[in-house]
Amino acid sequence: MHFVIMGCGRVGATMATRLDRMGHSVSVIDRSSEAFRRLPQDFSGRKVKGIGFDRDALEQAGIDEAYAFAAVSNGDNSNIVSARVARETFGVEHVVARIYDSRRADVYERLGIPTVATVRQTAEQMMRRILPEGFARLAEDPSGTIALIQPDIAQAWAGTRIAALEEALGVRVAWISRRSTALLPGPKTLIQHQDRLHMAVPTERIGQVQRALSRPPAQEE
């Protein structure tokens, strides 16, 4: 498949290198030819000097045949404009834009442009590591109604069936990270010590769910 990446900074160069080594066709657009030095010497893709939302630059990069387009420059405006041009002008179905301003990210998600809000996600991961009884918010739907989180869980939950946890808290467990692997749980799957549960939760109930998981499960009378 063919991929077009706008921005050859550290993120763009890493993506382009990985896609190239996976055997895909890759084009990288950047306004500075110096940026292409971040690519390895054996990079076999195209390097296009230009602006990511310029028609000529996009056509040189093979946007007409692109399976996906990623805008990962250091400018929010350039990224979102480029992503919209790729989708609306050239009909690329799979687009994503890196956005630093989380408020803009939410707006563009609602317009149908998938975004990666780097500052917000980095901050959440850092907070996860410094707060007691914290959780990692992994993703959120565009409306802000449902979040995918990885909460801290009290050891007393070990031995509890997934179905019982879901019913008690009104959540859905998407998958479990267990040691060096992951599994899709069934209703009878038992939580083990040091499991990391990734669960879908209504955003308005995140605090309530986290508090419940930080304590032993309620005993049925």
N, C-alpha and C. Protein backbone atom coordinates (compact mmCIF):
# COMPACT_ATOMS: atom_id res chain seq x y z
N MET A 1 0.84 -1.20 0.00
CA MET A 1 0.00 0.00 0.00
C MET A 1 0.87 1.25 0.00
N HIS A 2 0.30 2.36 -0.45
CA HIS A 2 1.05 3.61 -0.51
C HIS A 2 0.59 4.55 0.59
N PHE A 3 1.57 5.15 1.28
CA PHE A 3 1.29 6.07 2.38
C PHE A 3 2.00 7.40 2.11
N VAL A 4 1.32 8.49 2.44
CA VAL A 4 1.90 9.82 2.31
C VAL A 4 1.97 10.44 3.70
N ILE A 5 3.16 10.91 4.07
CA ILE A 5 3.37 11.51 5.38
C ILE A 5 3.82 12.95 5.19
N MET A 6 3.13 13.88 5.84
CA MET A 6 3.50 15.29 5.78
C MET A 6 4.22 15.65 7.07
N GLY A 7 5.50 16.00 6.95
CA GLY A 7 6.31 16.33 8.11
C GLY A 7 7.38 15.27 8.32
N CYS A 8 8.63 15.68 8.25
CA CYS A 8 9.73 14.73 8.43
C CYS A 8 10.51 15.05 9.69
N GLY A 9 9.78 15.34 10.76
CA GLY A 9 10.42 15.47 12.06
C GLY A 9 10.66 14.08 12.62
N ARG A 10 10.84 13.99 13.92
CA ARG A 10 11.14 12.69 14.51
C ARG A 10 9.98 11.71 14.35
N VAL A 11 8.75 12.19 14.52
CA VAL A 11 7.59 11.30 14.38
C VAL A 11 7.42 10.87 12.93
N GLY A 12 7.44 11.84 12.00
CA GLY A 12 7.25 11.52 10.60
C GLY A 12 8.34 10.61 10.06
N ALA A 13 9.59 10.88 10.43
CA ALA A 13 10.70 10.05 9.95
C ALA A 13 10.60 8.63 10.50
N THR A 14 10.18 8.51 11.77
CA THR A 14 10.02 7.18 12.36
C THR A 14 8.93 6.40 11.66
N MET A 15 7.78 7.05 11.42
CA MET A 15 6.69 6.38 10.71
C MET A 15 7.11 5.96 9.32
N ALA A 16 7.75 6.88 8.58
CA ALA A 16 8.16 6.58 7.21
C ALA A 16 9.15 5.43 7.16
N THR A 17 10.09 5.42 8.09
CA THR A 17 11.09 4.35 8.12
C THR A 17 10.44 3.00 8.40
N ARG A 18 9.53 2.97 9.35
CA ARG A 18 8.88 1.71 9.69
C ARG A 18 8.02 1.20 8.56
N LEU A 19 7.26 2.07 7.92
CA LEU A 19 6.43 1.66 6.80
C LEU A 19 7.27 1.17 5.64
N ASP A 20 8.38 1.85 5.39
CA ASP A 20 9.28 1.46 4.30
C ASP A 20 9.85 0.06 4.56
N ARG A 21 10.27 -0.19 5.78
CA ARG A 21 10.85 -1.49 6.12
C ARG A 21 9.82 -2.60 6.17
N MET A 22 8.55 -2.22 6.29
CA MET A 22 7.48 -3.21 6.22
C MET A 22 7.14 -3.56 4.78
N GLY A 23 7.77 -2.88 3.84
CA GLY A 23 7.55 -3.18 2.43
C GLY A 23 6.51 -2.32 1.74
N HIS A 24 6.03 -1.29 2.43
CA HIS A 24 5.03 -0.41 1.82
C HIS A 24 5.72 0.69 1.00
N SER A 25 4.95 1.30 0.13
CA SER A 25 5.41 2.47 -0.63
C SER A 25 5.12 3.71 0.20
N VAL A 26 6.13 4.59 0.33
CA VAL A 26 6.01 5.75 1.21
C VAL A 26 6.53 7.00 0.53
N SER A 27 5.80 8.11 0.70
CA SER A 27 6.28 9.43 0.29
C SER A 27 6.25 10.35 1.50
N VAL A 28 7.31 11.15 1.64
CA VAL A 28 7.40 12.09 2.75
C VAL A 28 7.49 13.50 2.20
N ILE A 29 6.64 14.39 2.72
CA ILE A 29 6.65 15.79 2.30
C ILE A 29 7.17 16.65 3.44
N ASP A 30 8.09 17.56 3.14
CA ASP A 30 8.55 18.52 4.13
C ASP A 30 9.05 19.75 3.41
N ARG A 31 8.83 20.91 4.02
CA ARG A 31 9.25 22.15 3.37
C ARG A 31 10.76 22.36 3.43
N SER A 32 11.46 21.60 4.28
CA SER A 32 12.91 21.72 4.40
C SER A 32 13.59 20.44 3.92
N SER A 33 14.47 20.56 2.97
CA SER A 33 15.21 19.39 2.50
C SER A 33 16.14 18.84 3.58
N GLU A 34 16.52 19.70 4.54
CA GLU A 34 17.39 19.25 5.63
C GLU A 34 16.68 18.20 6.49
N ALA A 35 15.36 18.27 6.54
CA ALA A 35 14.61 17.33 7.38
C ALA A 35 14.75 15.89 6.90
N PHE A 36 15.00 15.70 5.62
CA PHE A 36 15.10 14.35 5.08
C PHE A 36 16.34 13.61 5.59
N ARG A 37 17.25 14.34 6.24
CA ARG A 37 18.42 13.69 6.81
C ARG A 37 18.05 12.76 7.96
N ARG A 38 16.87 12.93 8.48
CA ARG A 38 16.42 12.04 9.56
C ARG A 38 16.08 10.65 9.03
N LEU A 39 15.90 10.52 7.74
CA LEU A 39 15.59 9.22 7.15
C LEU A 39 16.87 8.41 6.97
N PRO A 40 16.81 7.11 7.13
CA PRO A 40 18.02 6.29 6.96
C PRO A 40 18.49 6.27 5.51
N GLN A 41 19.74 5.92 5.31
CA GLN A 41 20.31 5.91 3.96
C GLN A 41 19.63 4.90 3.05
N ASP A 42 19.09 3.84 3.64
CA ASP A 42 18.44 2.82 2.80
C ASP A 42 16.96 3.08 2.57
N PHE A 43 16.48 4.27 2.94
CA PHE A 43 15.06 4.60 2.72
C PHE A 43 14.78 4.63 1.23
N SER A 44 13.79 3.87 0.80
CA SER A 44 13.51 3.73 -0.63
C SER A 44 12.32 4.55 -1.11
N GLY A 45 11.69 5.29 -0.19
CA GLY A 45 10.51 6.07 -0.57
C GLY A 45 10.85 7.38 -1.24
N ARG A 46 9.80 8.13 -1.57
CA ARG A 46 9.97 9.43 -2.22
C ARG A 46 10.11 10.54 -1.19
N LYS A 47 10.93 11.52 -1.50
CA LYS A 47 11.11 12.70 -0.66
C LYS A 47 10.68 13.91 -1.48
N VAL A 48 9.66 14.59 -1.00
CA VAL A 48 9.09 15.71 -1.75
C VAL A 48 9.25 16.99 -0.93
N LYS A 49 9.96 17.96 -1.46
CA LYS A 49 10.10 19.24 -0.79
C LYS A 49 8.91 20.11 -1.15
N GLY A 50 8.18 20.54 -0.15
CA GLY A 50 7.00 21.35 -0.40
C GLY A 50 6.13 21.47 0.82
N ILE A 51 4.96 22.06 0.62
CA ILE A 51 3.99 22.26 1.70
C ILE A 51 2.93 21.17 1.60
N GLY A 52 2.55 20.62 2.75
CA GLY A 52 1.69 19.46 2.76
C GLY A 52 0.30 19.65 2.22
N PHE A 53 -0.18 20.89 2.13
CA PHE A 53 -1.51 21.11 1.56
C PHE A 53 -1.45 21.69 0.15
N ASP A 54 -0.26 21.74 -0.43
CA ASP A 54 -0.09 22.22 -1.80
C ASP A 54 -0.40 21.09 -2.78
N ARG A 55 -1.25 21.35 -3.77
CA ARG A 55 -1.68 20.31 -4.70
C ARG A 55 -0.50 19.69 -5.44
N ASP A 56 0.44 20.52 -5.91
CA ASP A 56 1.58 19.98 -6.66
C ASP A 56 2.42 19.05 -5.79
N ALA A 57 2.66 19.45 -4.54
CA ALA A 57 3.45 18.61 -3.64
C ALA A 57 2.74 17.29 -3.36
N LEU A 58 1.44 17.37 -3.14
CA LEU A 58 0.68 16.15 -2.87
C LEU A 58 0.66 15.23 -4.09
N GLU A 59 0.52 15.79 -5.28
CA GLU A 59 0.51 14.96 -6.48
C GLU A 59 1.88 14.33 -6.72
N GLN A 60 2.96 15.08 -6.45
CA GLN A 60 4.30 14.49 -6.57
C GLN A 60 4.47 13.34 -5.59
N ALA A 61 3.81 13.45 -4.44
CA ALA A 61 3.91 12.40 -3.43
C ALA A 61 3.01 11.20 -3.71
N GLY A 62 2.21 11.29 -4.78
CA GLY A 62 1.35 10.18 -5.14
C GLY A 62 0.08 10.10 -4.32
N ILE A 63 -0.48 11.26 -4.00
CA ILE A 63 -1.67 11.27 -3.17
C ILE A 63 -2.85 10.57 -3.83
N ASP A 64 -2.89 10.55 -5.15
CA ASP A 64 -3.99 9.91 -5.88
C ASP A 64 -4.05 8.40 -5.62
N GLU A 65 -2.93 7.82 -5.28
CA GLU A 65 -2.88 6.37 -5.05
C GLU A 65 -2.72 6.03 -3.57
N ALA A 66 -2.81 7.03 -2.71
CA ALA A 66 -2.53 6.81 -1.29
C ALA A 66 -3.64 6.05 -0.59
N TYR A 67 -3.25 5.08 0.21
CA TYR A 67 -4.19 4.39 1.09
C TYR A 67 -4.47 5.25 2.32
N ALA A 68 -3.42 5.96 2.79
CA ALA A 68 -3.58 6.77 4.00
C ALA A 68 -2.66 7.98 3.94
N PHE A 69 -3.04 9.01 4.69
CA PHE A 69 -2.28 10.25 4.78
C PHE A 69 -2.15 10.65 6.24
N ALA A 70 -0.93 10.95 6.66
CA ALA A 70 -0.69 11.38 8.05
C ALA A 70 -0.01 12.74 8.05
N ALA A 71 -0.60 13.70 8.76
CA ALA A 71 -0.02 15.04 8.88
C ALA A 71 0.59 15.18 10.27
N VAL A 72 1.92 15.18 10.32
CA VAL A 72 2.60 15.16 11.63
C VAL A 72 3.68 16.25 11.70
N SER A 73 3.43 17.39 11.07
CA SER A 73 4.37 18.50 11.19
C SER A 73 4.21 19.13 12.57
N ASN A 74 4.97 20.19 12.86
CA ASN A 74 4.86 20.82 14.18
C ASN A 74 3.86 21.98 14.20
N GLY A 75 3.03 22.08 13.17
CA GLY A 75 2.03 23.14 13.13
C GLY A 75 0.61 22.60 13.06
N ASP A 76 -0.22 22.96 14.04
CA ASP A 76 -1.61 22.49 14.06
C ASP A 76 -2.37 22.88 12.80
N ASN A 77 -2.25 24.16 12.40
CA ASN A 77 -3.00 24.62 11.23
C ASN A 77 -2.60 23.87 9.97
N SER A 78 -1.29 23.72 9.77
CA SER A 78 -0.82 23.00 8.58
C SER A 78 -1.30 21.57 8.59
N ASN A 79 -1.27 20.94 9.75
CA ASN A 79 -1.68 19.54 9.83
C ASN A 79 -3.15 19.36 9.49
N ILE A 80 -4.01 20.19 10.07
CA ILE A 80 -5.43 20.00 9.85
C ILE A 80 -5.84 20.39 8.43
N VAL A 81 -5.24 21.46 7.89
CA VAL A 81 -5.55 21.84 6.51
C VAL A 81 -5.10 20.75 5.55
N SER A 82 -3.91 20.21 5.76
CA SER A 82 -3.39 19.15 4.90
C SER A 82 -4.28 17.91 4.96
N ALA A 83 -4.72 17.55 6.17
CA ALA A 83 -5.58 16.39 6.32
C ALA A 83 -6.92 16.59 5.60
N ARG A 84 -7.46 17.79 5.69
CA ARG A 84 -8.73 18.07 5.02
C ARG A 84 -8.58 18.06 3.50
N VAL A 85 -7.48 18.60 3.02
CA VAL A 85 -7.24 18.58 1.57
C VAL A 85 -7.10 17.14 1.09
N ALA A 86 -6.35 16.33 1.82
CA ALA A 86 -6.17 14.94 1.42
C ALA A 86 -7.50 14.21 1.35
N ARG A 87 -8.37 14.46 2.33
CA ARG A 87 -9.65 13.77 2.35
C ARG A 87 -10.66 14.38 1.39
N GLU A 88 -10.83 15.69 1.44
CA GLU A 88 -11.92 16.33 0.71
C GLU A 88 -11.59 16.59 -0.76
N THR A 89 -10.33 16.84 -1.08
CA THR A 89 -9.96 17.12 -2.46
C THR A 89 -9.53 15.85 -3.20
N PHE A 90 -8.77 15.00 -2.51
CA PHE A 90 -8.23 13.81 -3.18
C PHE A 90 -8.92 12.52 -2.77
N GLY A 91 -9.85 12.60 -1.84
CA GLY A 91 -10.65 11.43 -1.49
C GLY A 91 -9.91 10.34 -0.74
N VAL A 92 -8.84 10.70 -0.03
CA VAL A 92 -8.14 9.69 0.77
C VAL A 92 -9.01 9.35 1.98
N GLU A 93 -9.30 8.07 2.14
CA GLU A 93 -10.25 7.67 3.18
C GLU A 93 -9.61 7.68 4.57
N HIS A 94 -8.36 7.29 4.66
CA HIS A 94 -7.70 7.15 5.97
C HIS A 94 -6.75 8.32 6.17
N VAL A 95 -7.13 9.26 7.02
CA VAL A 95 -6.28 10.42 7.32
C VAL A 95 -6.19 10.59 8.83
N VAL A 96 -5.09 11.18 9.27
CA VAL A 96 -4.94 11.50 10.69
C VAL A 96 -4.04 12.72 10.80
N ALA A 97 -4.33 13.56 11.78
CA ALA A 97 -3.56 14.78 11.98
C ALA A 97 -3.09 14.87 13.42
N ARG A 98 -1.82 15.23 13.61
CA ARG A 98 -1.31 15.47 14.96
C ARG A 98 -1.68 16.90 15.36
N ILE A 99 -2.26 17.05 16.55
CA ILE A 99 -2.70 18.36 17.04
C ILE A 99 -2.17 18.57 18.45
N TYR A 100 -1.59 19.73 18.70
CA TYR A 100 -1.09 20.05 20.03
C TYR A 100 -2.18 20.65 20.91
N ASP A 101 -3.08 21.42 20.32
CA ASP A 101 -4.16 22.08 21.07
C ASP A 101 -5.31 21.09 21.24
N SER A 102 -5.53 20.60 22.45
CA SER A 102 -6.55 19.58 22.67
C SER A 102 -7.95 20.09 22.35
N ARG A 103 -8.20 21.39 22.52
CA ARG A 103 -9.53 21.92 22.19
C ARG A 103 -9.79 21.82 20.70
N ARG A 104 -8.78 22.11 19.89
CA ARG A 104 -8.94 21.95 18.45
C ARG A 104 -9.13 20.49 18.08
N ALA A 105 -8.40 19.62 18.76
CA ALA A 105 -8.51 18.19 18.45
C ALA A 105 -9.95 17.72 18.60
N ASP A 106 -10.62 18.13 19.66
CA ASP A 106 -12.00 17.72 19.87
C ASP A 106 -12.91 18.23 18.75
N VAL A 107 -12.69 19.47 18.31
CA VAL A 107 -13.50 20.04 17.23
C VAL A 107 -13.31 19.25 15.94
N TYR A 108 -12.06 18.97 15.59
CA TYR A 108 -11.80 18.29 14.33
C TYR A 108 -12.25 16.83 14.37
N GLU A 109 -12.22 16.22 15.54
CA GLU A 109 -12.76 14.87 15.65
C GLU A 109 -14.24 14.87 15.30
N ARG A 110 -14.95 15.90 15.74
CA ARG A 110 -16.38 15.97 15.44
C ARG A 110 -16.64 16.25 13.97
N LEU A 111 -15.66 16.82 13.28
CA LEU A 111 -15.78 17.06 11.84
C LEU A 111 -15.35 15.85 11.03
N GLY A 112 -14.95 14.80 11.71
CA GLY A 112 -14.58 13.57 11.01
C GLY A 112 -13.12 13.44 10.65
N ILE A 113 -12.26 14.30 11.21
CA ILE A 113 -10.82 14.21 10.97
C ILE A 113 -10.17 13.61 12.21
N PRO A 114 -9.75 12.35 12.17
CA PRO A 114 -9.10 11.74 13.34
C PRO A 114 -7.85 12.52 13.73
N THR A 115 -7.67 12.75 15.00
CA THR A 115 -6.52 13.51 15.47
C THR A 115 -5.81 12.78 16.60
N VAL A 116 -4.55 13.12 16.79
CA VAL A 116 -3.77 12.66 17.93
C VAL A 116 -3.34 13.90 18.69
N ALA A 117 -3.94 14.12 19.85
CA ALA A 117 -3.65 15.31 20.66
C ALA A 117 -2.43 14.99 21.53
N THR A 118 -1.26 15.31 21.04
CA THR A 118 -0.02 14.84 21.66
C THR A 118 0.19 15.38 23.07
N VAL A 119 -0.10 16.65 23.29
CA VAL A 119 0.13 17.22 24.62
C VAL A 119 -0.80 16.57 25.64
N ARG A 120 -2.08 16.44 25.29
CA ARG A 120 -3.03 15.86 26.22
C ARG A 120 -2.67 14.42 26.55
N GLN A 121 -2.32 13.64 25.54
CA GLN A 121 -2.01 12.24 25.79
C GLN A 121 -0.73 12.08 26.59
N THR A 122 0.27 12.92 26.29
CA THR A 122 1.51 12.86 27.06
C THR A 122 1.25 13.25 28.51
N ALA A 123 0.46 14.30 28.71
CA ALA A 123 0.15 14.75 30.07
C ALA A 123 -0.58 13.66 30.84
N GLU A 124 -1.53 12.99 30.19
CA GLU A 124 -2.29 11.95 30.87
C GLU A 124 -1.39 10.78 31.27
N GLN A 125 -0.46 10.43 30.39
CA GLN A 125 0.46 9.34 30.72
C GLN A 125 1.38 9.73 31.88
N MET A 126 1.83 10.98 31.89
CA MET A 126 2.68 11.44 33.00
C MET A 126 1.88 11.48 34.30
N MET A 127 0.65 11.97 34.25
CA MET A 127 -0.19 12.01 35.45
C MET A 127 -0.45 10.61 35.98
N ARG A 128 -0.60 9.67 35.09
CA ARG A 128 -0.83 8.28 35.47
C ARG A 128 0.30 7.77 36.37
N ARG A 129 1.51 8.26 36.14
CA ARG A 129 2.67 7.75 36.86
C ARG A 129 2.99 8.52 38.14
N ILE A 130 2.32 9.65 38.36
CA ILE A 130 2.63 10.40 39.58
C ILE A 130 1.47 10.45 40.56
N LEU A 131 0.25 10.16 40.11
CA LEU A 131 -0.90 10.24 41.01
C LEU A 131 -1.21 8.87 41.62
N PRO A 132 -1.53 8.83 42.90
CA PRO A 132 -1.99 7.56 43.48
C PRO A 132 -3.39 7.25 43.00
N GLU A 133 -3.67 5.97 42.88
CA GLU A 133 -5.00 5.52 42.46
C GLU A 133 -5.44 6.25 41.20
N GLY A 134 -4.53 6.34 40.24
CA GLY A 134 -4.84 7.03 39.00
C GLY A 134 -5.31 6.08 37.92
N PHE A 135 -5.48 6.63 36.76
CA PHE A 135 -5.85 5.80 35.62
C PHE A 135 -5.29 6.45 34.37
N ALA A 136 -5.11 5.66 33.33
CA ALA A 136 -4.69 6.18 32.04
C ALA A 136 -5.91 6.25 31.14
N ARG A 137 -6.20 7.44 30.62
CA ARG A 137 -7.30 7.57 29.66
C ARG A 137 -6.68 7.34 28.29
N LEU A 138 -6.97 6.19 27.70
CA LEU A 138 -6.32 5.78 26.47
C LEU A 138 -6.95 6.40 25.24
N ALA A 139 -8.25 6.60 25.26
CA ALA A 139 -8.95 7.15 24.10
C ALA A 139 -10.31 7.65 24.54
N GLU A 140 -10.94 8.43 23.66
CA GLU A 140 -12.26 8.96 23.95
C GLU A 140 -13.00 9.14 22.64
N ASP A 141 -14.29 8.82 22.63
CA ASP A 141 -15.04 8.97 21.38
C ASP A 141 -15.24 10.46 21.09
N PRO A 142 -15.47 10.83 19.82
CA PRO A 142 -15.55 12.25 19.46
C PRO A 142 -16.56 13.06 20.24
N SER A 143 -17.63 12.43 20.70
CA SER A 143 -18.64 13.17 21.45
C SER A 143 -18.25 13.37 22.91
N GLY A 144 -17.20 12.66 23.36
CA GLY A 144 -16.79 12.77 24.75
C GLY A 144 -17.65 11.98 25.71
N THR A 145 -18.46 11.06 25.19
CA THR A 145 -19.39 10.31 26.04
C THR A 145 -18.74 9.08 26.66
N ILE A 146 -17.93 8.38 25.89
CA ILE A 146 -17.31 7.14 26.34
C ILE A 146 -15.79 7.26 26.27
N ALA A 147 -15.12 6.76 27.30
CA ALA A 147 -13.65 6.77 27.33
C ALA A 147 -13.14 5.35 27.50
N LEU A 148 -11.97 5.10 26.93
CA LEU A 148 -11.27 3.84 27.15
C LEU A 148 -10.16 4.12 28.16
N ILE A 149 -10.22 3.45 29.31
CA ILE A 149 -9.27 3.74 30.38
C ILE A 149 -8.57 2.46 30.83
N GLN A 150 -7.42 2.66 31.48
CA GLN A 150 -6.73 1.56 32.15
C GLN A 150 -6.58 1.96 33.62
N PRO A 151 -7.51 1.54 34.47
CA PRO A 151 -7.50 1.99 35.87
C PRO A 151 -6.58 1.13 36.74
N ASP A 152 -6.19 1.70 37.87
CA ASP A 152 -5.53 0.91 38.90
C ASP A 152 -6.60 0.08 39.62
N ILE A 153 -6.25 -1.16 39.95
CA ILE A 153 -7.22 -2.07 40.54
C ILE A 153 -6.66 -2.65 41.84
N ALA A 154 -7.44 -2.60 42.89
CA ALA A 154 -7.03 -3.17 44.17
C ALA A 154 -6.81 -4.68 44.04
N GLN A 155 -5.83 -5.19 44.78
CA GLN A 155 -5.50 -6.60 44.69
C GLN A 155 -6.68 -7.50 45.05
N ALA A 156 -7.60 -6.98 45.85
CA ALA A 156 -8.74 -7.78 46.30
C ALA A 156 -9.67 -8.17 45.16
N TRP A 157 -9.55 -7.51 43.99
CA TRP A 157 -10.38 -7.88 42.84
C TRP A 157 -9.89 -9.16 42.17
N ALA A 158 -8.69 -9.61 42.48
CA ALA A 158 -8.19 -10.86 41.90
C ALA A 158 -9.13 -12.01 42.27
N GLY A 159 -9.46 -12.83 41.28
CA GLY A 159 -10.39 -13.92 41.48
C GLY A 159 -11.82 -13.58 41.12
N THR A 160 -12.10 -12.32 40.83
CA THR A 160 -13.45 -11.89 40.44
C THR A 160 -13.68 -12.15 38.96
N ARG A 161 -14.84 -12.61 38.61
CA ARG A 161 -15.17 -12.83 37.20
C ARG A 161 -15.39 -11.49 36.50
N ILE A 162 -14.99 -11.45 35.25
CA ILE A 162 -15.17 -10.22 34.46
C ILE A 162 -16.64 -9.84 34.39
N ALA A 163 -17.53 -10.81 34.22
CA ALA A 163 -18.97 -10.52 34.13
C ALA A 163 -19.46 -9.84 35.40
N ALA A 164 -18.94 -10.27 36.55
CA ALA A 164 -19.38 -9.68 37.82
C ALA A 164 -18.89 -8.24 37.93
N LEU A 165 -17.66 -7.99 37.51
CA LEU A 165 -17.13 -6.63 37.55
C LEU A 165 -17.94 -5.72 36.62
N GLU A 166 -18.22 -6.19 35.40
CA GLU A 166 -18.95 -5.37 34.44
C GLU A 166 -20.35 -5.04 34.95
N GLU A 167 -21.01 -6.03 35.53
CA GLU A 167 -22.36 -5.80 36.03
C GLU A 167 -22.36 -4.85 37.22
N ALA A 168 -21.38 -4.99 38.10
CA ALA A 168 -21.34 -4.17 39.30
C ALA A 168 -21.03 -2.71 38.99
N LEU A 169 -20.18 -2.47 37.98
CA LEU A 169 -19.72 -1.11 37.71
C LEU A 169 -20.31 -0.49 36.45
N GLY A 170 -21.03 -1.27 35.64
CA GLY A 170 -21.61 -0.72 34.42
C GLY A 170 -20.57 -0.35 33.38
N VAL A 171 -19.56 -1.22 33.22
CA VAL A 171 -18.48 -0.98 32.26
C VAL A 171 -18.36 -2.18 31.34
N ARG A 172 -17.47 -2.07 30.33
CA ARG A 172 -17.16 -3.19 29.46
C ARG A 172 -15.65 -3.33 29.39
N VAL A 173 -15.15 -4.51 29.68
CA VAL A 173 -13.71 -4.77 29.61
C VAL A 173 -13.37 -5.20 28.19
N ALA A 174 -12.57 -4.38 27.50
CA ALA A 174 -12.23 -4.65 26.10
C ALA A 174 -11.16 -5.72 25.98
N TRP A 175 -10.10 -5.59 26.78
CA TRP A 175 -9.07 -6.62 26.81
C TRP A 175 -8.28 -6.52 28.10
N ILE A 176 -7.52 -7.58 28.36
CA ILE A 176 -6.68 -7.64 29.56
C ILE A 176 -5.23 -7.79 29.13
N SER A 177 -4.37 -6.94 29.67
CA SER A 177 -2.93 -7.12 29.49
C SER A 177 -2.43 -7.96 30.66
N ARG A 178 -1.87 -9.11 30.34
CA ARG A 178 -1.44 -10.04 31.38
C ARG A 178 0.00 -10.45 31.11
N ARG A 179 0.89 -10.02 31.98
CA ARG A 179 2.32 -10.25 31.81
C ARG A 179 2.77 -9.65 30.47
N SER A 180 3.29 -10.48 29.57
CA SER A 180 3.80 -9.96 28.30
C SER A 180 2.85 -10.18 27.14
N THR A 181 1.58 -10.51 27.44
CA THR A 181 0.63 -10.76 26.37
C THR A 181 -0.69 -10.07 26.68
N ALA A 182 -1.70 -10.32 25.85
CA ALA A 182 -3.02 -9.74 26.04
C ALA A 182 -4.06 -10.79 25.68
N LEU A 183 -5.26 -10.64 26.23
CA LEU A 183 -6.32 -11.59 25.92
C LEU A 183 -7.67 -10.90 25.92
N LEU A 184 -8.59 -11.45 25.14
CA LEU A 184 -9.98 -10.99 25.13
C LEU A 184 -10.74 -11.79 26.18
N PRO A 185 -11.26 -11.15 27.19
CA PRO A 185 -11.90 -11.90 28.28
C PRO A 185 -13.31 -12.35 27.91
N GLY A 186 -13.69 -13.47 28.46
CA GLY A 186 -15.07 -13.92 28.40
C GLY A 186 -15.74 -13.65 29.73
N PRO A 187 -17.03 -13.91 29.82
CA PRO A 187 -17.75 -13.62 31.07
C PRO A 187 -17.17 -14.35 32.28
N LYS A 188 -16.61 -15.55 32.06
CA LYS A 188 -16.10 -16.35 33.17
C LYS A 188 -14.61 -16.13 33.44
N THR A 189 -13.97 -15.28 32.66
CA THR A 189 -12.55 -15.00 32.88
C THR A 189 -12.35 -14.41 34.27
N LEU A 190 -11.37 -14.92 34.99
CA LEU A 190 -11.07 -14.43 36.33
C LEU A 190 -9.93 -13.41 36.28
N ILE A 191 -10.10 -12.35 37.02
CA ILE A 191 -9.04 -11.35 37.13
C ILE A 191 -7.90 -11.92 37.95
N GLN A 192 -6.68 -11.75 37.46
CA GLN A 192 -5.51 -12.22 38.17
C GLN A 192 -4.72 -11.05 38.73
N HIS A 193 -3.89 -11.34 39.71
CA HIS A 193 -3.04 -10.32 40.32
C HIS A 193 -2.14 -9.70 39.25
N GLN A 194 -2.06 -8.39 39.23
CA GLN A 194 -1.24 -7.59 38.31
C GLN A 194 -1.80 -7.54 36.89
N ASP A 195 -3.04 -8.02 36.69
CA ASP A 195 -3.70 -7.79 35.39
C ASP A 195 -3.90 -6.30 35.19
N ARG A 196 -3.83 -5.86 33.94
CA ARG A 196 -4.17 -4.48 33.57
C ARG A 196 -5.40 -4.53 32.68
N LEU A 197 -6.49 -3.99 33.17
CA LEU A 197 -7.76 -4.04 32.45
C LEU A 197 -7.96 -2.76 31.64
N HIS A 198 -8.32 -2.94 30.39
CA HIS A 198 -8.63 -1.83 29.50
C HIS A 198 -10.15 -1.84 29.30
N MET A 199 -10.81 -0.81 29.79
CA MET A 199 -12.27 -0.86 29.81
C MET A 199 -12.92 0.41 29.28
N ALA A 200 -14.09 0.21 28.67
CA ALA A 200 -14.90 1.33 28.19
C ALA A 200 -15.83 1.77 29.32
N VAL A 201 -15.81 3.09 29.58
CA VAL A 201 -16.54 3.65 30.72
C VAL A 201 -17.21 4.96 30.29
N PRO A 202 -18.45 5.22 30.69
CA PRO A 202 -19.02 6.56 30.47
C PRO A 202 -18.14 7.61 31.13
N THR A 203 -17.78 8.66 30.41
CA THR A 203 -16.83 9.64 30.95
C THR A 203 -17.32 10.28 32.24
N GLU A 204 -18.62 10.45 32.39
CA GLU A 204 -19.14 11.08 33.60
C GLU A 204 -19.00 10.19 34.84
N ARG A 205 -18.68 8.89 34.61
CA ARG A 205 -18.59 7.95 35.72
C ARG A 205 -17.16 7.47 35.96
N ILE A 206 -16.18 8.08 35.30
CA ILE A 206 -14.80 7.61 35.44
C ILE A 206 -14.33 7.67 36.90
N GLY A 207 -14.57 8.79 37.56
CA GLY A 207 -14.15 8.92 38.95
C GLY A 207 -14.80 7.89 39.85
N GLN A 208 -16.09 7.67 39.65
CA GLN A 208 -16.83 6.69 40.45
C GLN A 208 -16.28 5.29 40.24
N VAL A 209 -16.01 4.93 38.98
CA VAL A 209 -15.48 3.61 38.67
C VAL A 209 -14.09 3.43 39.29
N GLN A 210 -13.24 4.45 39.17
CA GLN A 210 -11.89 4.34 39.73
C GLN A 210 -11.93 4.17 41.25
N ARG A 211 -12.81 4.91 41.90
CA ARG A 211 -12.91 4.78 43.36
C ARG A 211 -13.36 3.37 43.75
N ALA A 212 -14.30 2.82 42.99
CA ALA A 212 -14.79 1.48 43.30
C ALA A 212 -13.69 0.43 43.09
N LEU A 213 -12.88 0.62 42.06
CA LEU A 213 -11.82 -0.36 41.78
C LEU A 213 -10.65 -0.23 42.75
N SER A 214 -10.52 0.91 43.39
CA SER A 214 -9.41 1.11 44.34
C SER A 214 -9.71 0.45 45.69
N ARG A 215 -10.95 -0.06 45.85
CA ARG A 215 -11.35 -0.72 47.10
C ARG A 215 -11.72 -2.16 46.78
N PRO A 216 -11.78 -3.01 47.79
CA PRO A 216 -12.23 -4.39 47.56
C PRO A 216 -13.65 -4.39 47.03
N PRO A 217 -14.01 -5.38 46.21
CA PRO A 217 -15.38 -5.45 45.69
C PRO A 217 -16.39 -5.65 46.81
N ALA A 218 -17.55 -5.06 46.61
CA ALA A 218 -18.61 -5.21 47.61
C ALA A 218 -19.05 -6.66 47.69
N GLN A 219 -19.26 -7.14 48.92
CA GLN A 219 -19.67 -8.52 49.11
C GLN A 219 -21.20 -8.61 49.08
N GLU A 220 -21.69 -9.60 48.32
CA GLU A 220 -23.13 -9.80 48.25
C GLU A 220 -23.60 -10.44 49.56
N GLU A 221 -24.74 -9.97 50.00
CA GLU A 221 -25.31 -10.49 51.25
C GLU A 221 -26.15 -11.75 50.98
